[in-house]
Amino acid sequence: MRKVVVGISATLLAVAYPVVVSVGLKHWAVSRLALLIAAAAVFGAALRWLAGSKGLGSLLVPPTLVAVLASMASWQGDARWLLALPSLVNIGLLISFGQSLWLSPPLVERFARLVERELSTAQVAYCRQVTRVWCGFFIVNAGISGLLAWRGPMNWWVAYTGLISYVLVGSLMAGEYVFRKWRFQKFGAGLHDRFLAFFLAPRAPRP
C-alpha cells in the first residue's frame, strides 16, 4: 500500500512540476525556488526508501540530477536549468529503452510478458519494433522540451511539458494497444478487450 501511495504521489509531482516552476518563478527568486525543488527531490527519495525501494540508482539518480540542475540555476540565476528537467527525463527513458534493445529482452517485451507469458516469434519481433518507436518518441519529446526550455516562452513550455507531452504519450500507448490487438487478434476477458474485439475481430461468414 505504501508503494502505491508513493508511486501516485511521485506521478502527481511529476505532472505538476511545470506548473510549480512557472508559479514559483512569479513569487520567488530563482535561487530560492531551486532550493525548494532540490529539497522536494530529496524528500521524495526518502519516501521511496521508506516505502521499501531497494534500487540504489532509482533512489540516488533523481535527487542528484535535480540537485545539479538546481545548483546551476541558483549559481547562474538562470531558471532555464530548472526547465531542462523534463527533457533530461526523456533522455533517461531513451537510454533505458535503447539499452534494452541490446540487453535483451526489450522493455516492451518485458511489459508484454507481464500480461502474456508465452509470446510468438512474431510478437517478440513486434515488441522490438515498438521499443524502437518509443526510442524515437523520446528523442523527439526531449528535443521539443529542451528547445522550449531554452528558447520558448514559459507558457509554451508549461503547456507542452505539463499537458501536451502526456497526451502524446497516452495517444501512442492507446494507439499501439489497439493496433496490437488488431494485428494479433488476441483479446482478453476484460471489458475493454471485449469492446475492441467487437470492432476488430473478423466476422464469421453468415450461412
N, C-alpha and C. Protein backbone atom coordinates (compact mmCIF):
# COMPACT_ATOMS: atom_id res chain seq x y z
N MET A 1 0.83 -1.20 0.00
CA MET A 1 0.00 0.00 0.00
C MET A 1 0.87 1.26 0.00
N ARG A 2 1.97 1.22 0.77
CA ARG A 2 2.85 2.37 0.84
C ARG A 2 3.48 2.66 -0.52
N LYS A 3 3.85 1.59 -1.23
CA LYS A 3 4.46 1.78 -2.54
C LYS A 3 3.47 2.42 -3.51
N VAL A 4 2.20 2.02 -3.42
CA VAL A 4 1.18 2.59 -4.30
C VAL A 4 1.02 4.08 -4.02
N VAL A 5 0.95 4.44 -2.73
CA VAL A 5 0.77 5.84 -2.35
C VAL A 5 1.96 6.67 -2.81
N VAL A 6 3.17 6.14 -2.59
CA VAL A 6 4.38 6.86 -3.01
C VAL A 6 4.43 7.00 -4.53
N GLY A 7 4.05 5.92 -5.22
CA GLY A 7 4.04 5.97 -6.68
C GLY A 7 3.07 7.00 -7.22
N ILE A 8 1.88 7.04 -6.66
CA ILE A 8 0.88 8.03 -7.09
C ILE A 8 1.36 9.45 -6.78
N SER A 9 1.96 9.63 -5.61
CA SER A 9 2.46 10.95 -5.22
C SER A 9 3.56 11.41 -6.16
N ALA A 10 4.47 10.48 -6.52
CA ALA A 10 5.56 10.83 -7.43
C ALA A 10 5.03 11.21 -8.80
N THR A 11 4.01 10.49 -9.26
CA THR A 11 3.41 10.80 -10.55
C THR A 11 2.76 12.17 -10.55
N LEU A 12 2.03 12.47 -9.48
CA LEU A 12 1.37 13.77 -9.37
C LEU A 12 2.38 14.91 -9.32
N LEU A 13 3.48 14.68 -8.62
CA LEU A 13 4.52 15.71 -8.55
C LEU A 13 5.16 15.94 -9.91
N ALA A 14 5.39 14.83 -10.65
CA ALA A 14 6.00 14.96 -11.98
C ALA A 14 5.08 15.73 -12.92
N VAL A 15 3.78 15.44 -12.85
CA VAL A 15 2.82 16.13 -13.70
C VAL A 15 2.71 17.60 -13.32
N ALA A 16 2.79 17.87 -12.02
CA ALA A 16 2.63 19.24 -11.53
C ALA A 16 3.91 20.07 -11.65
N TYR A 17 5.04 19.44 -11.92
CA TYR A 17 6.33 20.14 -11.92
C TYR A 17 6.34 21.39 -12.80
N PRO A 18 5.90 21.33 -14.06
CA PRO A 18 5.94 22.55 -14.89
C PRO A 18 5.12 23.70 -14.29
N VAL A 19 3.95 23.39 -13.74
CA VAL A 19 3.12 24.43 -13.15
C VAL A 19 3.78 24.98 -11.89
N VAL A 20 4.36 24.10 -11.09
CA VAL A 20 5.04 24.53 -9.86
C VAL A 20 6.18 25.49 -10.19
N VAL A 21 6.96 25.15 -11.21
CA VAL A 21 8.08 26.01 -11.61
C VAL A 21 7.57 27.35 -12.11
N SER A 22 6.55 27.30 -12.96
CA SER A 22 6.02 28.54 -13.54
C SER A 22 5.46 29.46 -12.47
N VAL A 23 4.66 28.91 -11.56
CA VAL A 23 4.07 29.73 -10.49
C VAL A 23 5.16 30.18 -9.51
N GLY A 24 6.09 29.29 -9.20
CA GLY A 24 7.14 29.62 -8.26
C GLY A 24 8.01 30.77 -8.72
N LEU A 25 8.30 30.82 -10.01
CA LEU A 25 9.15 31.89 -10.54
C LEU A 25 8.47 33.26 -10.46
N LYS A 26 7.14 33.24 -10.36
CA LYS A 26 6.41 34.51 -10.25
C LYS A 26 6.45 35.08 -8.83
N HIS A 27 6.78 34.23 -7.86
CA HIS A 27 6.73 34.66 -6.46
C HIS A 27 8.09 34.62 -5.75
N TRP A 28 9.01 33.79 -6.26
CA TRP A 28 10.29 33.62 -5.58
C TRP A 28 11.45 33.86 -6.53
N ALA A 29 12.59 34.13 -5.95
CA ALA A 29 13.82 34.23 -6.73
C ALA A 29 14.21 32.84 -7.21
N VAL A 30 14.99 32.79 -8.28
CA VAL A 30 15.40 31.51 -8.86
C VAL A 30 16.13 30.66 -7.82
N SER A 31 17.01 31.28 -7.05
CA SER A 31 17.80 30.53 -6.07
C SER A 31 16.92 29.89 -5.00
N ARG A 32 15.90 30.60 -4.56
CA ARG A 32 15.01 30.06 -3.53
C ARG A 32 14.16 28.92 -4.10
N LEU A 33 13.63 29.11 -5.30
CA LEU A 33 12.84 28.06 -5.92
C LEU A 33 13.69 26.83 -6.17
N ALA A 34 14.92 27.03 -6.61
CA ALA A 34 15.82 25.90 -6.87
C ALA A 34 16.06 25.11 -5.59
N LEU A 35 16.24 25.81 -4.48
CA LEU A 35 16.46 25.13 -3.19
C LEU A 35 15.24 24.31 -2.80
N LEU A 36 14.04 24.87 -2.98
CA LEU A 36 12.81 24.16 -2.63
C LEU A 36 12.63 22.91 -3.49
N ILE A 37 12.94 23.02 -4.78
CA ILE A 37 12.80 21.87 -5.68
C ILE A 37 13.80 20.78 -5.32
N ALA A 38 15.02 21.17 -5.01
CA ALA A 38 16.03 20.18 -4.60
C ALA A 38 15.61 19.47 -3.32
N ALA A 39 15.07 20.24 -2.36
CA ALA A 39 14.61 19.65 -1.11
C ALA A 39 13.46 18.68 -1.36
N ALA A 40 12.55 19.03 -2.28
CA ALA A 40 11.43 18.15 -2.60
C ALA A 40 11.92 16.85 -3.23
N ALA A 41 12.96 16.93 -4.07
CA ALA A 41 13.51 15.73 -4.70
C ALA A 41 14.13 14.80 -3.66
N VAL A 42 14.86 15.37 -2.70
CA VAL A 42 15.46 14.56 -1.63
C VAL A 42 14.37 13.94 -0.76
N PHE A 43 13.33 14.71 -0.46
CA PHE A 43 12.21 14.19 0.33
C PHE A 43 11.52 13.04 -0.40
N GLY A 44 11.36 13.18 -1.72
CA GLY A 44 10.74 12.11 -2.50
C GLY A 44 11.56 10.84 -2.48
N ALA A 45 12.89 10.98 -2.56
CA ALA A 45 13.76 9.81 -2.50
C ALA A 45 13.67 9.13 -1.13
N ALA A 46 13.57 9.94 -0.08
CA ALA A 46 13.43 9.38 1.27
C ALA A 46 12.12 8.61 1.41
N LEU A 47 11.05 9.13 0.81
CA LEU A 47 9.76 8.43 0.86
C LEU A 47 9.83 7.08 0.13
N ARG A 48 10.50 7.07 -1.03
CA ARG A 48 10.64 5.81 -1.76
C ARG A 48 11.45 4.79 -0.96
N TRP A 49 12.47 5.27 -0.26
CA TRP A 49 13.27 4.38 0.58
C TRP A 49 12.43 3.83 1.73
N LEU A 50 11.64 4.68 2.36
CA LEU A 50 10.78 4.23 3.46
C LEU A 50 9.70 3.27 2.96
N ALA A 51 9.30 3.43 1.69
CA ALA A 51 8.28 2.55 1.12
C ALA A 51 8.84 1.20 0.71
N GLY A 52 10.18 1.06 0.82
CA GLY A 52 10.78 -0.25 0.54
C GLY A 52 11.53 -0.35 -0.76
N SER A 53 11.76 0.76 -1.45
CA SER A 53 12.51 0.72 -2.70
C SER A 53 13.96 0.36 -2.40
N LYS A 54 14.50 -0.64 -3.12
CA LYS A 54 15.86 -1.11 -2.88
C LYS A 54 16.83 -0.72 -3.97
N GLY A 55 16.32 -0.19 -5.09
CA GLY A 55 17.21 0.16 -6.20
C GLY A 55 18.02 1.41 -5.87
N LEU A 56 19.33 1.24 -5.74
CA LEU A 56 20.18 2.36 -5.37
C LEU A 56 20.14 3.45 -6.43
N GLY A 57 20.11 3.04 -7.71
CA GLY A 57 20.08 4.02 -8.79
C GLY A 57 18.81 4.85 -8.77
N SER A 58 17.66 4.18 -8.58
CA SER A 58 16.38 4.91 -8.57
C SER A 58 16.26 5.82 -7.37
N LEU A 59 17.00 5.53 -6.30
CA LEU A 59 16.96 6.38 -5.11
C LEU A 59 17.90 7.58 -5.21
N LEU A 60 19.06 7.38 -5.85
CA LEU A 60 20.08 8.42 -5.85
C LEU A 60 20.10 9.29 -7.09
N VAL A 61 19.80 8.69 -8.25
CA VAL A 61 19.94 9.43 -9.51
C VAL A 61 18.98 10.63 -9.59
N PRO A 62 17.64 10.42 -9.34
CA PRO A 62 16.72 11.58 -9.47
C PRO A 62 17.09 12.77 -8.58
N PRO A 63 17.31 12.58 -7.26
CA PRO A 63 17.64 13.76 -6.46
C PRO A 63 18.99 14.37 -6.83
N THR A 64 19.94 13.53 -7.25
CA THR A 64 21.24 14.05 -7.67
C THR A 64 21.10 14.92 -8.92
N LEU A 65 20.31 14.42 -9.88
CA LEU A 65 20.08 15.18 -11.12
C LEU A 65 19.40 16.52 -10.81
N VAL A 66 18.36 16.47 -9.99
CA VAL A 66 17.65 17.70 -9.64
C VAL A 66 18.58 18.65 -8.87
N ALA A 67 19.41 18.10 -7.99
CA ALA A 67 20.34 18.94 -7.22
C ALA A 67 21.33 19.64 -8.14
N VAL A 68 21.81 18.94 -9.16
CA VAL A 68 22.75 19.55 -10.11
C VAL A 68 22.07 20.70 -10.86
N LEU A 69 20.86 20.43 -11.38
CA LEU A 69 20.13 21.47 -12.10
C LEU A 69 19.82 22.66 -11.19
N ALA A 70 19.41 22.37 -9.97
CA ALA A 70 19.09 23.45 -9.02
C ALA A 70 20.33 24.27 -8.69
N SER A 71 21.46 23.59 -8.54
CA SER A 71 22.71 24.30 -8.23
C SER A 71 23.10 25.22 -9.38
N MET A 72 22.99 24.73 -10.61
CA MET A 72 23.33 25.55 -11.77
C MET A 72 22.38 26.74 -11.89
N ALA A 73 21.09 26.48 -11.65
CA ALA A 73 20.10 27.57 -11.72
C ALA A 73 20.38 28.63 -10.67
N SER A 74 20.72 28.19 -9.46
CA SER A 74 20.99 29.13 -8.37
C SER A 74 22.29 29.88 -8.62
N TRP A 75 23.30 29.18 -9.08
CA TRP A 75 24.62 29.79 -9.31
C TRP A 75 24.57 30.85 -10.41
N GLN A 76 23.88 30.52 -11.51
CA GLN A 76 23.84 31.44 -12.64
C GLN A 76 22.61 32.35 -12.62
N GLY A 77 21.68 32.09 -11.70
CA GLY A 77 20.46 32.89 -11.67
C GLY A 77 19.62 32.72 -12.92
N ASP A 78 19.68 31.52 -13.49
CA ASP A 78 19.02 31.24 -14.77
C ASP A 78 18.02 30.10 -14.58
N ALA A 79 16.72 30.41 -14.69
CA ALA A 79 15.67 29.42 -14.45
C ALA A 79 15.63 28.34 -15.52
N ARG A 80 16.31 28.57 -16.65
CA ARG A 80 16.25 27.58 -17.72
C ARG A 80 16.84 26.24 -17.30
N TRP A 81 17.74 26.26 -16.32
CA TRP A 81 18.27 24.99 -15.83
C TRP A 81 17.16 24.15 -15.20
N LEU A 82 16.23 24.80 -14.52
CA LEU A 82 15.11 24.07 -13.93
C LEU A 82 14.16 23.55 -15.00
N LEU A 83 14.06 24.28 -16.11
CA LEU A 83 13.17 23.86 -17.19
C LEU A 83 13.72 22.67 -17.96
N ALA A 84 15.00 22.37 -17.76
CA ALA A 84 15.63 21.28 -18.51
C ALA A 84 15.24 19.89 -18.00
N LEU A 85 14.63 19.82 -16.81
CA LEU A 85 14.37 18.52 -16.20
C LEU A 85 13.50 17.60 -17.06
N PRO A 86 12.35 18.04 -17.59
CA PRO A 86 11.54 17.12 -18.42
C PRO A 86 12.32 16.55 -19.61
N SER A 87 13.16 17.38 -20.22
CA SER A 87 13.95 16.90 -21.34
C SER A 87 14.93 15.82 -20.90
N LEU A 88 15.56 16.01 -19.75
CA LEU A 88 16.51 15.03 -19.23
C LEU A 88 15.80 13.73 -18.83
N VAL A 89 14.58 13.84 -18.33
CA VAL A 89 13.81 12.64 -18.00
C VAL A 89 13.57 11.81 -19.26
N ASN A 90 13.24 12.48 -20.37
CA ASN A 90 13.04 11.78 -21.63
C ASN A 90 14.33 11.14 -22.12
N ILE A 91 15.45 11.81 -21.92
CA ILE A 91 16.74 11.23 -22.30
C ILE A 91 17.02 9.98 -21.47
N GLY A 92 16.69 10.04 -20.17
CA GLY A 92 16.86 8.87 -19.33
C GLY A 92 16.01 7.70 -19.79
N LEU A 93 14.75 7.97 -20.17
CA LEU A 93 13.88 6.92 -20.69
C LEU A 93 14.42 6.38 -22.02
N LEU A 94 14.95 7.26 -22.85
CA LEU A 94 15.56 6.83 -24.11
C LEU A 94 16.71 5.87 -23.85
N ILE A 95 17.54 6.18 -22.88
CA ILE A 95 18.67 5.31 -22.55
C ILE A 95 18.17 3.95 -22.07
N SER A 96 17.15 3.96 -21.21
CA SER A 96 16.62 2.70 -20.68
C SER A 96 16.03 1.83 -21.79
N PHE A 97 15.21 2.42 -22.65
CA PHE A 97 14.60 1.66 -23.74
C PHE A 97 15.66 1.26 -24.77
N GLY A 98 16.59 2.17 -25.06
CA GLY A 98 17.62 1.86 -26.04
C GLY A 98 18.55 0.74 -25.58
N GLN A 99 18.97 0.79 -24.32
CA GLN A 99 19.83 -0.26 -23.80
C GLN A 99 19.17 -1.63 -23.87
N SER A 100 17.86 -1.66 -23.65
CA SER A 100 17.16 -2.94 -23.62
C SER A 100 17.14 -3.61 -24.99
N LEU A 101 17.37 -2.84 -26.08
CA LEU A 101 17.44 -3.44 -27.41
C LEU A 101 18.69 -4.30 -27.56
N TRP A 102 19.73 -3.98 -26.80
CA TRP A 102 20.96 -4.77 -26.85
C TRP A 102 21.04 -5.73 -25.67
N LEU A 103 20.48 -5.33 -24.54
CA LEU A 103 20.46 -6.19 -23.36
C LEU A 103 19.09 -6.86 -23.29
N SER A 104 18.86 -7.80 -24.19
CA SER A 104 17.53 -8.42 -24.35
C SER A 104 17.02 -8.99 -23.04
N PRO A 105 15.67 -9.09 -22.92
CA PRO A 105 14.66 -8.69 -23.90
C PRO A 105 14.37 -7.20 -23.84
N PRO A 106 13.86 -6.62 -24.94
CA PRO A 106 13.48 -5.21 -24.94
C PRO A 106 12.42 -4.93 -23.88
N LEU A 107 12.36 -3.69 -23.44
CA LEU A 107 11.43 -3.34 -22.36
C LEU A 107 9.98 -3.63 -22.72
N VAL A 108 9.58 -3.35 -23.96
CA VAL A 108 8.19 -3.59 -24.34
C VAL A 108 7.87 -5.07 -24.25
N GLU A 109 8.82 -5.93 -24.59
CA GLU A 109 8.60 -7.37 -24.46
C GLU A 109 8.44 -7.76 -22.99
N ARG A 110 9.24 -7.16 -22.13
CA ARG A 110 9.12 -7.46 -20.70
C ARG A 110 7.74 -7.06 -20.18
N PHE A 111 7.26 -5.90 -20.61
CA PHE A 111 5.92 -5.46 -20.20
C PHE A 111 4.86 -6.42 -20.73
N ALA A 112 5.03 -6.85 -21.97
CA ALA A 112 4.05 -7.74 -22.59
C ALA A 112 3.98 -9.07 -21.86
N ARG A 113 5.12 -9.56 -21.40
CA ARG A 113 5.14 -10.86 -20.72
C ARG A 113 4.54 -10.79 -19.32
N LEU A 114 4.36 -9.61 -18.79
CA LEU A 114 3.66 -9.49 -17.51
C LEU A 114 2.19 -9.85 -17.68
N VAL A 115 1.68 -9.66 -18.89
CA VAL A 115 0.28 -9.97 -19.18
C VAL A 115 0.14 -11.33 -19.84
N GLU A 116 1.07 -11.65 -20.73
CA GLU A 116 1.00 -12.89 -21.50
C GLU A 116 2.38 -13.54 -21.51
N ARG A 117 2.52 -14.64 -20.78
CA ARG A 117 3.84 -15.26 -20.62
C ARG A 117 4.41 -15.77 -21.93
N GLU A 118 3.59 -16.45 -22.73
CA GLU A 118 4.06 -17.05 -23.98
C GLU A 118 3.80 -16.09 -25.14
N LEU A 119 4.86 -15.68 -25.80
CA LEU A 119 4.74 -14.81 -26.97
C LEU A 119 5.27 -15.54 -28.20
N SER A 120 4.60 -15.36 -29.31
CA SER A 120 5.05 -15.97 -30.55
C SER A 120 6.27 -15.23 -31.08
N THR A 121 6.94 -15.84 -32.07
CA THR A 121 8.10 -15.19 -32.68
C THR A 121 7.71 -13.84 -33.28
N ALA A 122 6.53 -13.80 -33.90
CA ALA A 122 6.05 -12.55 -34.49
C ALA A 122 5.81 -11.50 -33.42
N GLN A 123 5.27 -11.89 -32.27
CA GLN A 123 5.02 -10.94 -31.19
C GLN A 123 6.32 -10.41 -30.61
N VAL A 124 7.33 -11.28 -30.48
CA VAL A 124 8.63 -10.85 -29.96
C VAL A 124 9.25 -9.82 -30.90
N ALA A 125 9.19 -10.08 -32.21
CA ALA A 125 9.73 -9.13 -33.19
C ALA A 125 8.96 -7.82 -33.15
N TYR A 126 7.66 -7.93 -32.96
CA TYR A 126 6.81 -6.73 -32.88
C TYR A 126 7.19 -5.88 -31.67
N CYS A 127 7.42 -6.52 -30.52
CA CYS A 127 7.79 -5.80 -29.30
C CYS A 127 9.11 -5.06 -29.49
N ARG A 128 10.04 -5.66 -30.22
CA ARG A 128 11.31 -4.99 -30.50
C ARG A 128 11.08 -3.73 -31.35
N GLN A 129 10.19 -3.85 -32.35
CA GLN A 129 9.90 -2.70 -33.19
C GLN A 129 9.22 -1.58 -32.40
N VAL A 130 8.31 -1.96 -31.51
CA VAL A 130 7.62 -0.95 -30.70
C VAL A 130 8.61 -0.26 -29.75
N THR A 131 9.58 -1.01 -29.23
CA THR A 131 10.61 -0.40 -28.38
C THR A 131 11.38 0.66 -29.16
N ARG A 132 11.66 0.38 -30.44
CA ARG A 132 12.33 1.37 -31.29
C ARG A 132 11.45 2.60 -31.50
N VAL A 133 10.16 2.38 -31.65
CA VAL A 133 9.23 3.51 -31.82
C VAL A 133 9.27 4.41 -30.58
N TRP A 134 9.27 3.79 -29.41
CA TRP A 134 9.33 4.58 -28.18
C TRP A 134 10.65 5.35 -28.09
N CYS A 135 11.74 4.75 -28.53
CA CYS A 135 13.02 5.45 -28.54
C CYS A 135 12.93 6.70 -29.40
N GLY A 136 12.32 6.56 -30.58
CA GLY A 136 12.14 7.71 -31.46
C GLY A 136 11.27 8.78 -30.82
N PHE A 137 10.23 8.34 -30.13
CA PHE A 137 9.35 9.30 -29.45
C PHE A 137 10.10 10.08 -28.39
N PHE A 138 10.92 9.39 -27.60
CA PHE A 138 11.65 10.07 -26.53
C PHE A 138 12.67 11.06 -27.10
N ILE A 139 13.26 10.74 -28.24
CA ILE A 139 14.19 11.67 -28.88
C ILE A 139 13.45 12.95 -29.26
N VAL A 140 12.30 12.80 -29.93
CA VAL A 140 11.52 13.96 -30.36
C VAL A 140 11.01 14.75 -29.15
N ASN A 141 10.50 14.04 -28.16
CA ASN A 141 9.95 14.71 -26.97
C ASN A 141 11.03 15.46 -26.21
N ALA A 142 12.20 14.84 -26.07
CA ALA A 142 13.31 15.52 -25.39
C ALA A 142 13.74 16.75 -26.17
N GLY A 143 13.77 16.64 -27.49
CA GLY A 143 14.18 17.78 -28.31
C GLY A 143 13.22 18.95 -28.20
N ILE A 144 11.92 18.67 -28.30
CA ILE A 144 10.93 19.75 -28.20
C ILE A 144 10.95 20.37 -26.80
N SER A 145 11.00 19.53 -25.77
CA SER A 145 11.03 20.04 -24.40
C SER A 145 12.27 20.89 -24.16
N GLY A 146 13.41 20.42 -24.66
CA GLY A 146 14.65 21.16 -24.47
C GLY A 146 14.65 22.48 -25.22
N LEU A 147 14.13 22.47 -26.46
CA LEU A 147 14.07 23.70 -27.25
C LEU A 147 13.17 24.74 -26.58
N LEU A 148 12.03 24.29 -26.09
CA LEU A 148 11.12 25.22 -25.41
C LEU A 148 11.72 25.73 -24.10
N ALA A 149 12.47 24.86 -23.42
CA ALA A 149 13.11 25.28 -22.16
C ALA A 149 14.16 26.36 -22.41
N TRP A 150 14.87 26.23 -23.53
CA TRP A 150 15.99 27.14 -23.77
C TRP A 150 15.57 28.42 -24.48
N ARG A 151 14.59 28.30 -25.41
CA ARG A 151 14.26 29.47 -26.23
C ARG A 151 12.78 29.84 -26.23
N GLY A 152 11.92 28.93 -25.85
CA GLY A 152 10.49 29.17 -25.98
C GLY A 152 9.91 29.99 -24.84
N PRO A 153 8.74 30.58 -25.04
CA PRO A 153 8.03 31.28 -23.95
C PRO A 153 7.67 30.30 -22.83
N MET A 154 7.61 30.79 -21.62
CA MET A 154 7.32 29.94 -20.47
C MET A 154 5.98 29.23 -20.61
N ASN A 155 4.96 29.94 -21.10
CA ASN A 155 3.64 29.30 -21.18
C ASN A 155 3.63 28.18 -22.21
N TRP A 156 4.45 28.27 -23.25
CA TRP A 156 4.56 27.17 -24.22
C TRP A 156 5.20 25.96 -23.56
N TRP A 157 6.26 26.22 -22.79
CA TRP A 157 6.95 25.11 -22.11
C TRP A 157 6.01 24.42 -21.12
N VAL A 158 5.26 25.21 -20.36
CA VAL A 158 4.31 24.64 -19.39
C VAL A 158 3.25 23.81 -20.11
N ALA A 159 2.71 24.34 -21.20
CA ALA A 159 1.65 23.65 -21.93
C ALA A 159 2.16 22.34 -22.51
N TYR A 160 3.38 22.36 -23.06
CA TYR A 160 3.89 21.14 -23.69
C TYR A 160 4.30 20.10 -22.66
N THR A 161 5.14 20.49 -21.70
CA THR A 161 5.66 19.51 -20.74
C THR A 161 4.62 19.10 -19.70
N GLY A 162 3.63 19.98 -19.45
CA GLY A 162 2.63 19.67 -18.42
C GLY A 162 1.36 19.06 -18.94
N LEU A 163 1.15 19.12 -20.27
CA LEU A 163 -0.10 18.59 -20.81
C LEU A 163 0.10 17.86 -22.14
N ILE A 164 0.62 18.57 -23.13
CA ILE A 164 0.68 18.01 -24.48
C ILE A 164 1.52 16.74 -24.53
N SER A 165 2.68 16.73 -23.87
CA SER A 165 3.54 15.55 -23.93
C SER A 165 2.85 14.34 -23.31
N TYR A 166 2.05 14.55 -22.25
CA TYR A 166 1.33 13.44 -21.63
C TYR A 166 0.20 12.95 -22.53
N VAL A 167 -0.44 13.87 -23.22
CA VAL A 167 -1.46 13.46 -24.20
C VAL A 167 -0.84 12.64 -25.31
N LEU A 168 0.35 13.03 -25.77
CA LEU A 168 1.04 12.27 -26.81
C LEU A 168 1.44 10.89 -26.32
N VAL A 169 1.92 10.81 -25.09
CA VAL A 169 2.27 9.50 -24.52
C VAL A 169 1.04 8.60 -24.45
N GLY A 170 -0.06 9.14 -23.93
CA GLY A 170 -1.29 8.36 -23.82
C GLY A 170 -1.82 7.94 -25.19
N SER A 171 -1.72 8.83 -26.17
CA SER A 171 -2.20 8.52 -27.52
C SER A 171 -1.36 7.41 -28.14
N LEU A 172 -0.04 7.48 -27.95
CA LEU A 172 0.84 6.44 -28.50
C LEU A 172 0.56 5.10 -27.84
N MET A 173 0.39 5.09 -26.53
CA MET A 173 0.10 3.85 -25.81
C MET A 173 -1.23 3.25 -26.27
N ALA A 174 -2.26 4.09 -26.36
CA ALA A 174 -3.59 3.61 -26.75
C ALA A 174 -3.59 3.14 -28.20
N GLY A 175 -2.94 3.91 -29.08
CA GLY A 175 -2.90 3.54 -30.49
C GLY A 175 -2.15 2.24 -30.71
N GLU A 176 -1.03 2.09 -30.00
CA GLU A 176 -0.26 0.85 -30.14
C GLU A 176 -1.04 -0.34 -29.62
N TYR A 177 -1.77 -0.16 -28.52
CA TYR A 177 -2.56 -1.26 -27.94
C TYR A 177 -3.64 -1.72 -28.92
N VAL A 178 -4.35 -0.76 -29.50
CA VAL A 178 -5.40 -1.11 -30.46
C VAL A 178 -4.80 -1.80 -31.69
N PHE A 179 -3.70 -1.28 -32.20
CA PHE A 179 -3.05 -1.89 -33.36
C PHE A 179 -2.59 -3.30 -33.06
N ARG A 180 -2.03 -3.52 -31.85
CA ARG A 180 -1.56 -4.84 -31.46
C ARG A 180 -2.71 -5.84 -31.39
N LYS A 181 -3.83 -5.40 -30.84
CA LYS A 181 -4.99 -6.29 -30.77
C LYS A 181 -5.49 -6.65 -32.16
N TRP A 182 -5.51 -5.66 -33.04
CA TRP A 182 -5.97 -5.93 -34.42
C TRP A 182 -5.00 -6.86 -35.13
N ARG A 183 -3.72 -6.67 -34.94
CA ARG A 183 -2.73 -7.46 -35.69
C ARG A 183 -2.68 -8.90 -35.23
N PHE A 184 -2.70 -9.13 -33.91
CA PHE A 184 -2.52 -10.49 -33.41
C PHE A 184 -3.83 -11.16 -33.00
N GLN A 185 -4.91 -10.41 -32.97
CA GLN A 185 -6.23 -10.97 -32.69
C GLN A 185 -6.27 -11.78 -31.39
N LYS A 186 -5.66 -11.23 -30.36
CA LYS A 186 -5.69 -11.87 -29.04
C LYS A 186 -6.40 -10.91 -28.09
N PHE A 187 -7.58 -11.29 -27.68
CA PHE A 187 -8.40 -10.43 -26.84
C PHE A 187 -8.64 -11.10 -25.49
N GLY A 188 -8.49 -10.32 -24.43
CA GLY A 188 -8.73 -10.84 -23.09
C GLY A 188 -10.19 -10.79 -22.72
N ALA A 189 -10.45 -11.09 -21.44
CA ALA A 189 -11.83 -11.14 -20.96
C ALA A 189 -12.30 -9.80 -20.41
N GLY A 190 -11.41 -8.82 -20.33
CA GLY A 190 -11.77 -7.53 -19.80
C GLY A 190 -12.75 -6.79 -20.69
N LEU A 191 -13.46 -5.83 -20.10
CA LEU A 191 -14.48 -5.09 -20.83
C LEU A 191 -13.88 -4.36 -22.03
N HIS A 192 -12.69 -3.75 -21.85
CA HIS A 192 -12.08 -3.01 -22.94
C HIS A 192 -11.68 -3.92 -24.09
N ASP A 193 -11.20 -5.14 -23.75
CA ASP A 193 -10.82 -6.08 -24.81
C ASP A 193 -12.06 -6.61 -25.54
N ARG A 194 -13.14 -6.83 -24.80
CA ARG A 194 -14.37 -7.29 -25.46
C ARG A 194 -14.93 -6.21 -26.37
N PHE A 195 -14.77 -4.96 -25.94
CA PHE A 195 -15.21 -3.85 -26.78
C PHE A 195 -14.39 -3.79 -28.07
N LEU A 196 -13.07 -3.94 -27.94
CA LEU A 196 -12.22 -3.92 -29.13
C LEU A 196 -12.49 -5.12 -30.03
N ALA A 197 -12.73 -6.29 -29.41
CA ALA A 197 -13.00 -7.49 -30.20
C ALA A 197 -14.25 -7.31 -31.06
N PHE A 198 -15.23 -6.59 -30.51
CA PHE A 198 -16.47 -6.37 -31.26
C PHE A 198 -16.19 -5.65 -32.59
N PHE A 199 -15.22 -4.73 -32.57
CA PHE A 199 -14.93 -3.94 -33.77
C PHE A 199 -13.77 -4.51 -34.59
N LEU A 200 -12.83 -5.18 -33.92
CA LEU A 200 -11.60 -5.56 -34.62
C LEU A 200 -11.55 -7.03 -35.03
N ALA A 201 -12.25 -7.89 -34.31
CA ALA A 201 -12.21 -9.32 -34.64
C ALA A 201 -12.95 -9.57 -35.95
N PRO A 202 -12.44 -10.47 -36.79
CA PRO A 202 -13.13 -10.77 -38.06
C PRO A 202 -14.50 -11.39 -37.81
N ARG A 203 -15.45 -11.03 -38.64
CA ARG A 203 -16.80 -11.56 -38.52
C ARG A 203 -16.89 -12.94 -39.17
N ALA A 204 -17.61 -13.83 -38.48
CA ALA A 204 -17.85 -15.15 -39.08
C ALA A 204 -18.82 -14.98 -40.25
N PRO A 205 -18.55 -15.64 -41.36
CA PRO A 205 -19.45 -15.50 -42.53
C PRO A 205 -20.85 -16.04 -42.21
N ARG A 206 -21.83 -15.32 -42.68
CA ARG A 206 -23.21 -15.76 -42.47
C ARG A 206 -23.50 -16.99 -43.34
N PRO A 207 -24.27 -17.93 -42.77
CA PRO A 207 -24.62 -19.12 -43.58
C PRO A 207 -25.55 -18.77 -44.72
